[in-house]
Amino acid sequence: MDLSNRHYSKQSHMLVNAKYALTKNEIDLILTLLTEIKEDDQDFQDYVFTLKDLEFKSSNQWHSKQLKDTVKVC
């Protein structure tokens, strides 16, 4: 899957201005997942990407334990 074509995500102002307590890692993971959704998608789909893809998209170096801990919270 080529992730390089998707470098943006659209966010509702309600989401941006909402009060929630997320860590930087949780936000990076959520935004990475959101950028996988295509504008013409009609249903939720499973998206698969590697740790290397996540690191590239989030511009952050992840360790497997760090990712597991973040996923457990989300």
C-alpha atoms as a PDB file:
ATOM      1  CA  MET A   1       0.000   0.000   0.000  1.00  0.00           C
ATOM      2  CA  ASP A   2       1.441   3.335  -1.016  1.00  0.00           C
ATOM      3  CA  LEU A   3       1.073   5.788   1.865  1.00  0.00           C
ATOM      4  CA  SER A   4       3.043   8.569   0.226  1.00  0.00           C
ATOM      5  CA  ASN A   5       0.024   9.836  -1.732  1.00  0.00           C
ATOM      6  CA  ARG A   6      -1.879  10.743   1.448  1.00  0.00           C
ATOM      7  CA  HIS A   7      -0.328  13.541   3.460  1.00  0.00           C
ATOM      8  CA  TYR A   8      -3.425  15.175   4.839  1.00  0.00           C
ATOM      9  CA  SER A   9      -6.524  14.610   6.865  1.00  0.00           C
ATOM     10  CA  LYS A  10      -9.661  16.681   7.231  1.00  0.00           C
ATOM     11  CA  GLN A  11     -10.888  17.415  10.730  1.00  0.00           C
ATOM     12  CA  SER A  12     -14.122  18.905  11.899  1.00  0.00           C
ATOM     13  CA  HIS A  13     -13.723  22.024  14.013  1.00  0.00           C
ATOM     14  CA  MET A  14     -15.737  20.164  16.670  1.00  0.00           C
ATOM     15  CA  LEU A  15     -13.022  17.502  16.830  1.00  0.00           C
ATOM     16  CA  VAL A  16     -10.203  20.040  16.872  1.00  0.00           C
ATOM     17  CA  ASN A  17     -11.817  22.113  19.622  1.00  0.00           C
ATOM     18  CA  ALA A  18     -13.076  19.178  21.696  1.00  0.00           C
ATOM     19  CA  LYS A  19     -11.669  18.704  25.155  1.00  0.00           C
ATOM     20  CA  TYR A  20     -10.001  15.361  25.491  1.00  0.00           C
ATOM     21  CA  ALA A  21      -6.791  14.128  26.983  1.00  0.00           C
ATOM     22  CA  LEU A  22      -4.772  12.228  24.408  1.00  0.00           C
ATOM     23  CA  THR A  23      -1.054  11.698  24.346  1.00  0.00           C
ATOM     24  CA  LYS A  24       1.023  12.712  21.340  1.00  0.00           C
ATOM     25  CA  ASN A  25       1.358   9.018  20.417  1.00  0.00           C
ATOM     26  CA  GLU A  26      -2.404   8.492  20.542  1.00  0.00           C
ATOM     27  CA  ILE A  27      -2.986  11.540  18.347  1.00  0.00           C
ATOM     28  CA  ASP A  28      -0.298  10.384  15.875  1.00  0.00           C
ATOM     29  CA  LEU A  29      -1.876   6.945  15.664  1.00  0.00           C
ATOM     30  CA  ILE A  30      -5.408   8.281  15.190  1.00  0.00           C
ATOM     31  CA  LEU A  31      -4.349  10.780  12.524  1.00  0.00           C
ATOM     32  CA  THR A  32      -2.394   8.078  10.700  1.00  0.00           C
ATOM     33  CA  LEU A  33      -5.490   5.887  10.668  1.00  0.00           C
ATOM     34  CA  LEU A  34      -7.660   8.779   9.508  1.00  0.00           C
ATOM     35  CA  THR A  35      -5.404   9.515   6.549  1.00  0.00           C
ATOM     36  CA  GLU A  36      -6.047   5.994   5.280  1.00  0.00           C
ATOM     37  CA  ILE A  37      -9.747   6.696   4.764  1.00  0.00           C
ATOM     38  CA  LYS A  38     -10.399   7.708   1.201  1.00  0.00           C
ATOM     39  CA  GLU A  39     -12.895  10.426   0.394  1.00  0.00           C
ATOM     40  CA  ASP A  40     -15.092   8.050  -1.614  1.00  0.00           C
ATOM     41  CA  ASP A  41     -15.097   5.218   0.987  1.00  0.00           C
ATOM     42  CA  GLN A  42     -18.624   4.144   1.820  1.00  0.00           C
ATOM     43  CA  ASP A  43     -17.936   1.575   4.563  1.00  0.00           C
ATOM     44  CA  PHE A  44     -15.342   1.071   7.240  1.00  0.00           C
ATOM     45  CA  GLN A  45     -12.556  -1.170   6.037  1.00  0.00           C
ATOM     46  CA  ASP A  46      -9.541  -2.826   7.569  1.00  0.00           C
ATOM     47  CA  TYR A  47      -6.330  -0.993   6.817  1.00  0.00           C
ATOM     48  CA  VAL A  48      -2.954  -2.591   7.354  1.00  0.00           C
ATOM     49  CA  PHE A  49       0.318  -0.730   7.644  1.00  0.00           C
ATOM     50  CA  THR A  50       3.704  -1.517   9.067  1.00  0.00           C
ATOM     51  CA  LEU A  51       5.542   0.069  11.958  1.00  0.00           C
ATOM     52  CA  LYS A  52       7.854   1.627   9.383  1.00  0.00           C
ATOM     53  CA  ASP A  53       4.835   3.178   7.623  1.00  0.00           C
ATOM     54  CA  LEU A  54       3.594   4.566  10.938  1.00  0.00           C
ATOM     55  CA  GLU A  55       6.983   6.055  11.681  1.00  0.00           C
ATOM     56  CA  PHE A  56       7.103   7.681   8.263  1.00  0.00           C
ATOM     57  CA  LYS A  57       3.583   9.099   8.475  1.00  0.00           C
ATOM     58  CA  SER A  58       3.937  10.383  12.041  1.00  0.00           C
ATOM     59  CA  SER A  59       7.561  11.525  11.730  1.00  0.00           C
ATOM     60  CA  ASN A  60       8.166   9.769  15.013  1.00  0.00           C
ATOM     61  CA  GLN A  61      10.242   6.743  15.951  1.00  0.00           C
ATOM     62  CA  TRP A  62       8.114   4.080  17.605  1.00  0.00           C
ATOM     63  CA  HIS A  63       9.173   1.100  19.686  1.00  0.00           C
ATOM     64  CA  SER A  64       6.986  -1.989  19.656  1.00  0.00           C
ATOM     65  CA  LYS A  65       6.207  -1.739  23.394  1.00  0.00           C
ATOM     66  CA  GLN A  66       5.300   1.926  22.994  1.00  0.00           C
ATOM     67  CA  LEU A  67       2.936   1.063  20.144  1.00  0.00           C
ATOM     68  CA  LYS A  68       1.336  -1.808  22.105  1.00  0.00           C
ATOM     69  CA  ASP A  69       0.784   0.475  25.103  1.00  0.00           C
ATOM     70  CA  THR A  70      -0.752   3.170  22.900  1.00  0.00           C
ATOM     71  CA  VAL A  71      -3.073   0.727  21.146  1.00  0.00           C
ATOM     72  CA  LYS A  72      -4.286  -0.695  24.468  1.00  0.00           C
ATOM     73  CA  VAL A  73      -5.384   2.787  25.548  1.00  0.00           C
ATOM     74  CA  CYS A  74      -7.188   3.605  22.298  1.00  0.00           C
END
